[in-house]
């Protein structure tokens, strides 16, 4: 199915579409939103990277490389991942794997 979206965000000819077509358009838009919402916008690993970020993100930058705990995740704080929806702590575990935890959770620096 092909449909056009105006620059204001409205589907062109929405009123002419059948209920079945409207359902299909809404499902397509939801799939697109879901596909992109968690895409990485950028990785913040230094004070320079964080210049235009919130103070909450900027305050974390001096702790890169420090041992931390967020929720039940313990490891080394490596930075912050910014997606279109949220920010995530990047934590490297002892086994070298990387874990991401939402910044809605708190983070505690152990060393």
PDB file of N, CA and C in Angstrom:
ATOM      1  N   UNK A   1       0.847  -1.172   0.000  1.00  0.00           N
ATOM      2  CA  UNK A   1       0.000   0.000   0.000  1.00  0.00           C
ATOM      3  C   UNK A   1       0.891   1.233   0.000  1.00  0.00           C
ATOM      4  N   UNK A   2       0.535   2.188  -0.799  1.00  0.00           N
ATOM      5  CA  UNK A   2       1.271   3.451  -0.877  1.00  0.00           C
ATOM      6  C   UNK A   2       0.320   4.559  -0.436  1.00  0.00           C
ATOM      7  N   UNK A   3       0.817   5.410   0.465  1.00  0.00           N
ATOM      8  CA  UNK A   3       0.048   6.580   0.859  1.00  0.00           C
ATOM      9  C   UNK A   3       1.021   7.715   1.123  1.00  0.00           C
ATOM     10  N   UNK A   4       0.491   8.918   1.061  1.00  0.00           N
ATOM     11  CA  UNK A   4       1.327  10.098   1.253  1.00  0.00           C
ATOM     12  C   UNK A   4       0.981  10.756   2.581  1.00  0.00           C
ATOM     13  N   UNK A   5       2.012  11.329   3.202  1.00  0.00           N
ATOM     14  CA  UNK A   5       1.840  12.074   4.442  1.00  0.00           C
ATOM     15  C   UNK A   5       2.229  13.519   4.154  1.00  0.00           C
ATOM     16  N   UNK A   6       1.357  14.451   4.542  1.00  0.00           N
ATOM     17  CA  UNK A   6       1.636  15.872   4.306  1.00  0.00           C
ATOM     18  C   UNK A   6       2.744  16.345   5.245  1.00  0.00           C
ATOM     19  N   UNK A   7       3.271  17.524   4.989  1.00  0.00           N
ATOM     20  CA  UNK A   7       4.326  18.079   5.842  1.00  0.00           C
ATOM     21  C   UNK A   7       3.808  18.374   7.249  1.00  0.00           C
ATOM     22  N   UNK A   8       2.482  18.437   7.426  1.00  0.00           N
ATOM     23  CA  UNK A   8       1.891  18.644   8.744  1.00  0.00           C
ATOM     24  C   UNK A   8       1.653  17.324   9.469  1.00  0.00           C
ATOM     25  N   UNK A   9       1.944  16.207   8.799  1.00  0.00           N
ATOM     26  CA  UNK A   9       1.808  14.900   9.425  1.00  0.00           C
ATOM     27  C   UNK A   9       0.487  14.195   9.183  1.00  0.00           C
ATOM     28  N   UNK A  10      -0.326  14.734   8.316  1.00  0.00           N
ATOM     29  CA  UNK A  10      -1.612  14.106   8.017  1.00  0.00           C
ATOM     30  C   UNK A  10      -1.511  13.215   6.794  1.00  0.00           C
ATOM     31  N   UNK A  11      -2.253  12.125   6.793  1.00  0.00           N
ATOM     32  CA  UNK A  11      -2.293  11.249   5.623  1.00  0.00           C
ATOM     33  C   UNK A  11      -3.191  11.896   4.580  1.00  0.00           C
ATOM     34  N   UNK A  12      -2.631  12.088   3.391  1.00  0.00           N
ATOM     35  CA  UNK A  12      -3.370  12.710   2.294  1.00  0.00           C
ATOM     36  C   UNK A  12      -4.499  11.764   1.878  1.00  0.00           C
ATOM     37  N   UNK A  13      -5.683  12.315   1.675  1.00  0.00           N
ATOM     38  CA  UNK A  13      -6.881  11.582   1.255  1.00  0.00           C
ATOM     39  C   UNK A  13      -7.353  10.555   2.282  1.00  0.00           C
ATOM     40  N   UNK A  14      -7.080  10.810   3.544  1.00  0.00           N
ATOM     41  CA  UNK A  14      -7.527   9.923   4.624  1.00  0.00           C
ATOM     42  C   UNK A  14      -9.035   9.697   4.547  1.00  0.00           C
ATOM     43  N   UNK A  15      -9.793  10.769   4.312  1.00  0.00           N
ATOM     44  CA  UNK A  15     -11.255  10.661   4.294  1.00  0.00           C
ATOM     45  C   UNK A  15     -11.772   9.798   3.152  1.00  0.00           C
ATOM     46  N   UNK A  16     -10.983   9.624   2.122  1.00  0.00           N
ATOM     47  CA  UNK A  16     -11.404   8.806   0.969  1.00  0.00           C
ATOM     48  C   UNK A  16     -11.080   7.325   1.159  1.00  0.00           C
ATOM     49  N   UNK A  17     -10.280   7.013   2.153  1.00  0.00           N
ATOM     50  CA  UNK A  17      -9.852   5.629   2.374  1.00  0.00           C
ATOM     51  C   UNK A  17     -10.951   4.834   3.081  1.00  0.00           C
ATOM     52  N   UNK A  18     -10.992   3.548   2.779  1.00  0.00           N
ATOM     53  CA  UNK A  18     -11.938   2.661   3.459  1.00  0.00           C
ATOM     54  C   UNK A  18     -11.423   2.349   4.865  1.00  0.00           C
ATOM     55  N   UNK A  19     -12.271   1.795   5.699  1.00  0.00           N
ATOM     56  CA  UNK A  19     -11.845   1.409   7.051  1.00  0.00           C
ATOM     57  C   UNK A  19     -10.699   0.409   6.983  1.00  0.00           C
ATOM     58  N   UNK A  20     -10.762  -0.524   6.045  1.00  0.00           N
ATOM     59  CA  UNK A  20      -9.707  -1.528   5.886  1.00  0.00           C
ATOM     60  C   UNK A  20      -8.388  -0.853   5.502  1.00  0.00           C
ATOM     61  N   UNK A  21      -8.445   0.114   4.594  1.00  0.00           N
ATOM     62  CA  UNK A  21      -7.237   0.842   4.182  1.00  0.00           C
ATOM     63  C   UNK A  21      -6.674   1.678   5.342  1.00  0.00           C
ATOM     64  N   UNK A  22      -7.567   2.298   6.114  1.00  0.00           N
ATOM     65  CA  UNK A  22      -7.121   3.090   7.274  1.00  0.00           C
ATOM     66  C   UNK A  22      -6.431   2.194   8.299  1.00  0.00           C
ATOM     67  N   UNK A  23      -6.995   1.015   8.541  1.00  0.00           N
ATOM     68  CA  UNK A  23      -6.366   0.068   9.460  1.00  0.00           C
ATOM     69  C   UNK A  23      -4.973  -0.312   8.976  1.00  0.00           C
ATOM     70  N   UNK A  24      -4.847  -0.573   7.672  1.00  0.00           N
ATOM     71  CA  UNK A  24      -3.555  -0.960   7.100  1.00  0.00           C
ATOM     72  C   UNK A  24      -2.543   0.181   7.222  1.00  0.00           C
ATOM     73  N   UNK A  25      -2.987   1.417   6.993  1.00  0.00           N
ATOM     74  CA  UNK A  25      -2.090   2.578   7.110  1.00  0.00           C
ATOM     75  C   UNK A  25      -1.631   2.752   8.554  1.00  0.00           C
ATOM     76  N   UNK A  26      -2.536   2.596   9.496  1.00  0.00           N
ATOM     77  CA  UNK A  26      -2.177   2.745  10.905  1.00  0.00           C
ATOM     78  C   UNK A  26      -1.197   1.659  11.343  1.00  0.00           C
ATOM     79  N   UNK A  27      -1.401   0.438  10.889  1.00  0.00           N
ATOM     80  CA  UNK A  27      -0.463  -0.648  11.217  1.00  0.00           C
ATOM     81  C   UNK A  27       0.917  -0.360  10.616  1.00  0.00           C
ATOM     82  N   UNK A  28       0.920   0.152   9.379  1.00  0.00           N
ATOM     83  CA  UNK A  28       2.195   0.470   8.722  1.00  0.00           C
ATOM     84  C   UNK A  28       2.930   1.579   9.485  1.00  0.00           C
ATOM     85  N   UNK A  29       2.211   2.605   9.899  1.00  0.00           N
ATOM     86  CA  UNK A  29       2.839   3.699  10.645  1.00  0.00           C
ATOM     87  C   UNK A  29       3.378   3.222  11.992  1.00  0.00           C
ATOM     88  N   UNK A  30       2.648   2.343  12.649  1.00  0.00           N
ATOM     89  CA  UNK A  30       3.111   1.805  13.934  1.00  0.00           C
ATOM     90  C   UNK A  30       4.372   0.965  13.756  1.00  0.00           C
ATOM     91  N   UNK A  31       4.438   0.192  12.682  1.00  0.00           N
ATOM     92  CA  UNK A  31       5.640  -0.616  12.415  1.00  0.00           C
ATOM     93  C   UNK A  31       6.839   0.286  12.157  1.00  0.00           C
ATOM     94  N   UNK A  32       6.614   1.363  11.409  1.00  0.00           N
ATOM     95  CA  UNK A  32       7.706   2.309  11.134  1.00  0.00           C
ATOM     96  C   UNK A  32       8.172   2.959  12.434  1.00  0.00           C
ATOM     97  N   UNK A  33       7.235   3.413  13.238  1.00  0.00           N
ATOM     98  CA  UNK A  33       7.578   4.046  14.516  1.00  0.00           C
ATOM     99  C   UNK A  33       8.380   3.078  15.389  1.00  0.00           C
ATOM    100  N   UNK A  34       7.909   1.856  15.501  1.00  0.00           N
ATOM    101  CA  UNK A  34       8.590   0.853  16.320  1.00  0.00           C
ATOM    102  C   UNK A  34       9.985   0.559  15.778  1.00  0.00           C
ATOM    103  N   UNK A  35      10.118   0.506  14.468  1.00  0.00           N
ATOM    104  CA  UNK A  35      11.413   0.197  13.860  1.00  0.00           C
ATOM    105  C   UNK A  35      12.450   1.286  14.149  1.00  0.00           C
ATOM    106  N   UNK A  36      12.017   2.544  14.207  1.00  0.00           N
ATOM    107  CA  UNK A  36      12.965   3.641  14.359  1.00  0.00           C
ATOM    108  C   UNK A  36      13.110   4.169  15.782  1.00  0.00           C
ATOM    109  N   UNK A  37      12.129   3.971  16.632  1.00  0.00           N
ATOM    110  CA  UNK A  37      12.133   4.598  17.947  1.00  0.00           C
ATOM    111  C   UNK A  37      13.336   4.180  18.787  1.00  0.00           C
ATOM    112  N   UNK A  38      13.799   2.936  18.637  1.00  0.00           N
ATOM    113  CA  UNK A  38      14.926   2.465  19.437  1.00  0.00           C
ATOM    114  C   UNK A  38      16.245   2.501  18.679  1.00  0.00           C
ATOM    115  N   UNK A  39      16.257   3.087  17.500  1.00  0.00           N
ATOM    116  CA  UNK A  39      17.503   3.243  16.750  1.00  0.00           C
ATOM    117  C   UNK A  39      18.426   4.192  17.512  1.00  0.00           C
ATOM    118  N   UNK A  40      19.696   3.903  17.492  1.00  0.00           N
ATOM    119  CA  UNK A  40      20.675   4.749  18.170  1.00  0.00           C
ATOM    120  C   UNK A  40      20.824   6.067  17.430  1.00  0.00           C
ATOM    121  N   UNK A  41      20.668   7.156  18.161  1.00  0.00           N
ATOM    122  CA  UNK A  41      20.946   8.478  17.607  1.00  0.00           C
ATOM    123  C   UNK A  41      22.432   8.776  17.731  1.00  0.00           C
ATOM    124  N   UNK A  42      22.966   8.467  18.923  1.00  0.00           N
ATOM    125  CA  UNK A  42      24.402   8.684  19.136  1.00  0.00           C
ATOM    126  C   UNK A  42      24.842   8.012  20.426  1.00  0.00           C
ATOM    127  N   UNK A  43      26.130   7.796  20.526  1.00  0.00           N
ATOM    128  CA  UNK A  43      26.762   7.258  21.723  1.00  0.00           C
ATOM    129  C   UNK A  43      27.555   8.408  22.347  1.00  0.00           C
ATOM    130  N   UNK A  44      27.347   8.632  23.635  1.00  0.00           N
ATOM    131  CA  UNK A  44      27.990   9.732  24.351  1.00  0.00           C
ATOM    132  C   UNK A  44      29.023   9.122  25.283  1.00  0.00           C
ATOM    133  N   UNK A  45      30.313   9.385  24.980  1.00  0.00           N
ATOM    134  CA  UNK A  45      31.406   8.767  25.737  1.00  0.00           C
ATOM    135  C   UNK A  45      32.417   9.774  26.267  1.00  0.00           C
ATOM    136  N   UNK A  46      32.077  11.053  26.219  1.00  0.00           N
ATOM    137  CA  UNK A  46      33.011  12.062  26.724  1.00  0.00           C
ATOM    138  C   UNK A  46      32.260  13.352  27.023  1.00  0.00           C
ATOM    139  N   UNK A  47      32.917  14.231  27.751  1.00  0.00           N
ATOM    140  CA  UNK A  47      32.325  15.540  28.047  1.00  0.00           C
ATOM    141  C   UNK A  47      32.084  16.318  26.768  1.00  0.00           C
ATOM    142  N   UNK A  48      32.977  16.149  25.803  1.00  0.00           N
ATOM    143  CA  UNK A  48      32.813  16.817  24.505  1.00  0.00           C
ATOM    144  C   UNK A  48      31.542  16.339  23.809  1.00  0.00           C
ATOM    145  N   UNK A  49      31.296  15.023  23.829  1.00  0.00           N
ATOM    146  CA  UNK A  49      30.077  14.469  23.222  1.00  0.00           C
ATOM    147  C   UNK A  49      28.824  14.983  23.915  1.00  0.00           C
ATOM    148  N   UNK A  50      28.933  15.263  25.215  1.00  0.00           N
ATOM    149  CA  UNK A  50      27.770  15.598  26.033  1.00  0.00           C
ATOM    150  C   UNK A  50      27.482  17.098  26.113  1.00  0.00           C
ATOM    151  N   UNK A  51      28.230  17.904  25.370  1.00  0.00           N
ATOM    152  CA  UNK A  51      28.088  19.364  25.471  1.00  0.00           C
ATOM    153  C   UNK A  51      26.647  19.843  25.340  1.00  0.00           C
ATOM    154  N   UNK A  52      25.891  19.272  24.404  1.00  0.00           N
ATOM    155  CA  UNK A  52      24.520  19.741  24.169  1.00  0.00           C
ATOM    156  C   UNK A  52      23.466  18.834  24.815  1.00  0.00           C
ATOM    157  N   UNK A  53      23.893  17.991  25.747  1.00  0.00           N
ATOM    158  CA  UNK A  53      22.983  17.072  26.445  1.00  0.00           C
ATOM    159  C   UNK A  53      22.461  17.706  27.733  1.00  0.00           C
ATOM    160  N   UNK A  54      21.520  17.035  28.336  1.00  0.00           N
ATOM    161  CA  UNK A  54      20.988  17.493  29.620  1.00  0.00           C
ATOM    162  C   UNK A  54      22.091  17.444  30.681  1.00  0.00           C
ATOM    163  N   UNK A  55      21.883  18.182  31.764  1.00  0.00           N
ATOM    164  CA  UNK A  55      22.872  18.180  32.847  1.00  0.00           C
ATOM    165  C   UNK A  55      22.998  16.788  33.452  1.00  0.00           C
ATOM    166  N   UNK A  56      21.919  16.014  33.442  1.00  0.00           N
ATOM    167  CA  UNK A  56      21.965  14.653  33.985  1.00  0.00           C
ATOM    168  C   UNK A  56      22.995  13.807  33.231  1.00  0.00           C
ATOM    169  N   UNK A  57      23.019  13.922  31.910  1.00  0.00           N
ATOM    170  CA  UNK A  57      23.992  13.174  31.099  1.00  0.00           C
ATOM    171  C   UNK A  57      25.390  13.752  31.306  1.00  0.00           C
ATOM    172  N   UNK A  58      25.528  15.062  31.291  1.00  0.00           N
ATOM    173  CA  UNK A  58      26.829  15.703  31.450  1.00  0.00           C
ATOM    174  C   UNK A  58      27.491  15.326  32.774  1.00  0.00           C
ATOM    175  N   UNK A  59      26.691  15.232  33.835  1.00  0.00           N
ATOM    176  CA  UNK A  59      27.231  14.906  35.154  1.00  0.00           C
ATOM    177  C   UNK A  59      27.800  13.489  35.233  1.00  0.00           C
ATOM    178  N   UNK A  60      27.393  12.615  34.319  1.00  0.00           N
ATOM    179  CA  UNK A  60      27.879  11.234  34.322  1.00  0.00           C
ATOM    180  C   UNK A  60      29.249  11.077  33.658  1.00  0.00           C
ATOM    181  N   UNK A  61      29.626  11.990  32.805  1.00  0.00           N
ATOM    182  CA  UNK A  61      30.828  11.831  31.989  1.00  0.00           C
ATOM    183  C   UNK A  61      32.115  11.628  32.801  1.00  0.00           C
ATOM    184  N   UNK A  62      32.317  12.291  33.941  1.00  0.00           N
ATOM    185  CA  UNK A  62      33.551  12.046  34.708  1.00  0.00           C
ATOM    186  C   UNK A  62      33.645  10.623  35.270  1.00  0.00           C
ATOM    187  N   UNK A  63      32.539   9.879  35.259  1.00  0.00           N
ATOM    188  CA  UNK A  63      32.525   8.537  35.830  1.00  0.00           C
ATOM    189  C   UNK A  63      32.764   7.430  34.799  1.00  0.00           C
ATOM    190  N   UNK A  64      33.018   7.807  33.549  1.00  0.00           N
ATOM    191  CA  UNK A  64      33.324   6.797  32.534  1.00  0.00           C
ATOM    192  C   UNK A  64      34.580   6.044  32.964  1.00  0.00           C
ATOM    193  N   UNK A  65      34.490   4.720  32.914  1.00  0.00           N
ATOM    194  CA  UNK A  65      35.601   3.876  33.339  1.00  0.00           C
ATOM    195  C   UNK A  65      35.506   3.426  34.785  1.00  0.00           C
ATOM    196  N   UNK A  66      34.533   3.933  35.520  1.00  0.00           N
ATOM    197  CA  UNK A  66      34.358   3.562  36.930  1.00  0.00           C
ATOM    198  C   UNK A  66      33.394   2.392  37.062  1.00  0.00           C
ATOM    199  N   UNK A  67      33.596   1.603  38.098  1.00  0.00           N
ATOM    200  CA  UNK A  67      32.705   0.488  38.392  1.00  0.00           C
ATOM    201  C   UNK A  67      31.368   1.053  38.876  1.00  0.00           C
ATOM    202  N   UNK A  68      30.274   0.416  38.418  1.00  0.00           N
ATOM    203  CA  UNK A  68      28.959   0.932  38.757  1.00  0.00           C
ATOM    204  C   UNK A  68      27.945  -0.189  38.940  1.00  0.00           C
ATOM    205  N   UNK A  69      26.804   0.199  39.484  1.00  0.00           N
ATOM    206  CA  UNK A  69      25.676  -0.714  39.622  1.00  0.00           C
ATOM    207  C   UNK A  69      24.413   0.059  39.230  1.00  0.00           C
ATOM    208  N   UNK A  70      23.639  -0.511  38.327  1.00  0.00           N
ATOM    209  CA  UNK A  70      22.350   0.052  37.935  1.00  0.00           C
ATOM    210  C   UNK A  70      21.362  -1.087  37.882  1.00  0.00           C
ATOM    211  N   UNK A  71      20.348  -1.001  38.710  1.00  0.00           N
ATOM    212  CA  UNK A  71      19.383  -2.087  38.886  1.00  0.00           C
ATOM    213  C   UNK A  71      20.171  -3.297  39.389  1.00  0.00           C
ATOM    214  N   UNK A  72      20.171  -4.404  38.685  1.00  0.00           N
ATOM    215  CA  UNK A  72      20.960  -5.572  39.098  1.00  0.00           C
ATOM    216  C   UNK A  72      22.214  -5.739  38.254  1.00  0.00           C
ATOM    217  N   UNK A  73      22.540  -4.738  37.460  1.00  0.00           N
ATOM    218  CA  UNK A  73      23.675  -4.815  36.540  1.00  0.00           C
ATOM    219  C   UNK A  73      24.901  -4.188  37.198  1.00  0.00           C
ATOM    220  N   UNK A  74      25.982  -4.954  37.301  1.00  0.00           N
ATOM    221  CA  UNK A  74      27.238  -4.452  37.865  1.00  0.00           C
ATOM    222  C   UNK A  74      28.306  -4.572  36.788  1.00  0.00           C
ATOM    223  N   UNK A  75      29.063  -3.509  36.600  1.00  0.00           N
ATOM    224  CA  UNK A  75      30.119  -3.518  35.593  1.00  0.00           C
ATOM    225  C   UNK A  75      30.822  -2.179  35.549  1.00  0.00           C
ATOM    226  N   UNK A  76      31.417  -1.876  34.394  1.00  0.00           N
ATOM    227  CA  UNK A  76      32.142  -0.620  34.202  1.00  0.00           C
ATOM    228  C   UNK A  76      31.302   0.293  33.323  1.00  0.00           C
ATOM    229  N   UNK A  77      31.090   1.517  33.798  1.00  0.00           N
ATOM    230  CA  UNK A  77      30.313   2.504  33.056  1.00  0.00           C
ATOM    231  C   UNK A  77      31.102   2.966  31.836  1.00  0.00           C
ATOM    232  N   UNK A  78      30.494   2.831  30.644  1.00  0.00           N
ATOM    233  CA  UNK A  78      31.191   3.166  29.399  1.00  0.00           C
ATOM    234  C   UNK A  78      30.625   4.393  28.696  1.00  0.00           C
ATOM    235  N   UNK A  79      29.466   4.877  29.137  1.00  0.00           N
ATOM    236  CA  UNK A  79      28.871   6.043  28.495  1.00  0.00           C
ATOM    237  C   UNK A  79      27.364   5.919  28.452  1.00  0.00           C
ATOM    238  N   UNK A  80      26.770   6.698  27.533  1.00  0.00           N
ATOM    239  CA  UNK A  80      25.318   6.760  27.409  1.00  0.00           C
ATOM    240  C   UNK A  80      24.940   6.605  25.947  1.00  0.00           C
ATOM    241  N   UNK A  81      23.917   5.788  25.703  1.00  0.00           N
ATOM    242  CA  UNK A  81      23.356   5.672  24.360  1.00  0.00           C
ATOM    243  C   UNK A  81      22.078   6.490  24.305  1.00  0.00           C
ATOM    244  N   UNK A  82      21.967   7.331  23.294  1.00  0.00           N
ATOM    245  CA  UNK A  82      20.756   8.123  23.089  1.00  0.00           C
ATOM    246  C   UNK A  82      19.978   7.505  21.933  1.00  0.00           C
ATOM    247  N   UNK A  83      18.714   7.187  22.185  1.00  0.00           N
ATOM    248  CA  UNK A  83      17.830   6.731  21.107  1.00  0.00           C
ATOM    249  C   UNK A  83      16.797   7.826  20.887  1.00  0.00           C
ATOM    250  N   UNK A  84      15.886   7.607  19.972  1.00  0.00           N
ATOM    251  CA  UNK A  84      14.842   8.600  19.713  1.00  0.00           C
ATOM    252  C   UNK A  84      13.852   8.675  20.864  1.00  0.00           C
ATOM    253  N   UNK A  85      13.850   7.653  21.727  1.00  0.00           N
ATOM    254  CA  UNK A  85      12.870   7.621  22.804  1.00  0.00           C
ATOM    255  C   UNK A  85      13.463   7.811  24.196  1.00  0.00           C
ATOM    256  N   UNK A  86      14.683   7.374  24.421  1.00  0.00           N
ATOM    257  CA  UNK A  86      15.191   7.313  25.780  1.00  0.00           C
ATOM    258  C   UNK A  86      16.720   7.370  25.781  1.00  0.00           C
ATOM    259  N   UNK A  87      17.278   7.417  26.974  1.00  0.00           N
ATOM    260  CA  UNK A  87      18.723   7.339  27.173  1.00  0.00           C
ATOM    261  C   UNK A  87      19.020   6.070  27.962  1.00  0.00           C
ATOM    262  N   UNK A  88      20.159   5.442  27.666  1.00  0.00           N
ATOM    263  CA  UNK A  88      20.530   4.189  28.320  1.00  0.00           C
ATOM    264  C   UNK A  88      21.967   4.264  28.812  1.00  0.00           C
ATOM    265  N   UNK A  89      22.191   3.760  30.045  1.00  0.00           N
ATOM    266  CA  UNK A  89      23.557   3.595  30.531  1.00  0.00           C
ATOM    267  C   UNK A  89      24.196   2.465  29.725  1.00  0.00           C
ATOM    268  N   UNK A  90      25.446   2.633  29.346  1.00  0.00           N
ATOM    269  CA  UNK A  90      26.200   1.560  28.705  1.00  0.00           C
ATOM    270  C   UNK A  90      27.140   1.004  29.773  1.00  0.00           C
ATOM    271  N   UNK A  91      26.953  -0.277  30.088  1.00  0.00           N
ATOM    272  CA  UNK A  91      27.726  -0.908  31.157  1.00  0.00           C
ATOM    273  C   UNK A  91      28.392  -2.169  30.618  1.00  0.00           C
ATOM    274  N   UNK A  92      29.723  -2.219  30.730  1.00  0.00           N
ATOM    275  CA  UNK A  92      30.470  -3.410  30.305  1.00  0.00           C
ATOM    276  C   UNK A  92      30.570  -4.368  31.485  1.00  0.00           C
ATOM    277  N   UNK A  93      30.115  -5.585  31.260  1.00  0.00           N
ATOM    278  CA  UNK A  93      30.136  -6.603  32.304  1.00  0.00           C
ATOM    279  C   UNK A  93      31.518  -7.246  32.403  1.00  0.00           C
ATOM    280  N   UNK A  94      31.751  -8.021  33.448  1.00  0.00           N
ATOM    281  CA  UNK A  94      33.049  -8.678  33.669  1.00  0.00           C
ATOM    282  C   UNK A  94      33.466  -9.562  32.503  1.00  0.00           C
ATOM    283  N   UNK A  95      32.487 -10.203  31.865  1.00  0.00           N
ATOM    284  CA  UNK A  95      32.803 -11.116  30.767  1.00  0.00           C
ATOM    285  C   UNK A  95      33.010 -10.401  29.430  1.00  0.00           C
ATOM    286  N   UNK A  96      32.998  -9.064  29.454  1.00  0.00           N
ATOM    287  CA  UNK A  96      33.232  -8.281  28.253  1.00  0.00           C
ATOM    288  C   UNK A  96      31.973  -7.942  27.469  1.00  0.00           C
ATOM    289  N   UNK A  97      30.856  -8.546  27.833  1.00  0.00           N
ATOM    290  CA  UNK A  97      29.593  -8.231  27.164  1.00  0.00           C
ATOM    291  C   UNK A  97      29.136  -6.848  27.604  1.00  0.00           C
ATOM    292  N   UNK A  98      28.327  -6.218  26.757  1.00  0.00           N
ATOM    293  CA  UNK A  98      27.822  -4.883  27.062  1.00  0.00           C
ATOM    294  C   UNK A  98      26.338  -4.979  27.375  1.00  0.00           C
ATOM    295  N   UNK A  99      25.940  -4.284  28.422  1.00  0.00           N
ATOM    296  CA  UNK A  99      24.542  -4.239  28.829  1.00  0.00           C
ATOM    297  C   UNK A  99      24.061  -2.796  28.766  1.00  0.00           C
ATOM    298  N   UNK A 100      22.810  -2.617  28.421  1.00  0.00           N
ATOM    299  CA  UNK A 100      22.207  -1.285  28.353  1.00  0.00           C
ATOM    300  C   UNK A 100      21.066  -1.244  29.360  1.00  0.00           C
ATOM    301  N   UNK A 101      21.035  -0.199  30.159  1.00  0.00           N
ATOM    302  CA  UNK A 101      19.955  -0.058  31.125  1.00  0.00           C
ATOM    303  C   UNK A 101      19.400   1.357  31.049  1.00  0.00           C
ATOM    304  N   UNK A 102      18.091   1.453  31.035  1.00  0.00           N
ATOM    305  CA  UNK A 102      17.442   2.750  30.907  1.00  0.00           C
ATOM    306  C   UNK A 102      17.890   3.716  32.005  1.00  0.00           C
ATOM    307  N   UNK A 103      18.027   4.966  31.660  1.00  0.00           N
ATOM    308  CA  UNK A 103      18.416   5.983  32.632  1.00  0.00           C
ATOM    309  C   UNK A 103      17.251   6.343  33.550  1.00  0.00           C
ATOM    310  N   UNK A 104      16.100   5.712  33.369  1.00  0.00           N
ATOM    311  CA  UNK A 104      15.014   5.876  34.331  1.00  0.00           C
ATOM    312  C   UNK A 104      15.459   5.264  35.651  1.00  0.00           C
ATOM    313  N   UNK A 105      16.244   4.169  35.570  1.00  0.00           N
ATOM    314  CA  UNK A 105      16.834   3.558  36.764  1.00  0.00           C
ATOM    315  C   UNK A 105      17.977   4.433  37.258  1.00  0.00           C
ATOM    316  N   UNK A 106      18.308   4.278  38.516  1.00  0.00           N
ATOM    317  CA  UNK A 106      19.436   5.008  39.079  1.00  0.00           C
ATOM    318  C   UNK A 106      20.734   4.271  38.759  1.00  0.00           C
ATOM    319  N   UNK A 107      21.837   4.974  38.927  1.00  0.00           N
ATOM    320  CA  UNK A 107      23.150   4.365  38.782  1.00  0.00           C
ATOM    321  C   UNK A 107      23.973   4.767  39.999  1.00  0.00           C
ATOM    322  N   UNK A 108      24.711   3.814  40.535  1.00  0.00           N
ATOM    323  CA  UNK A 108      25.550   4.038  41.695  1.00  0.00           C
ATOM    324  C   UNK A 108      26.983   3.690  41.313  1.00  0.00           C
ATOM    325  N   UNK A 109      27.919   4.586  41.600  1.00  0.00           N
ATOM    326  CA  UNK A 109      29.321   4.323  41.294  1.00  0.00           C
ATOM    327  C   UNK A 109      29.989   3.762  42.533  1.00  0.00           C
ATOM    328  N   UNK A 110      30.634   2.622  42.361  1.00  0.00           N
ATOM    329  CA  UNK A 110      31.140   1.837  43.478  1.00  0.00           C
ATOM    330  C   UNK A 110      32.564   2.234  43.863  1.00  0.00           C
ATOM    331  N   UNK A 111      33.400   2.604  42.897  1.00  0.00           N
ATOM    332  CA  UNK A 111      34.785   2.965  43.245  1.00  0.00           C
ATOM    333  C   UNK A 111      35.027   4.442  43.131  1.00  0.00           C
TER     334      UNK A 111
END
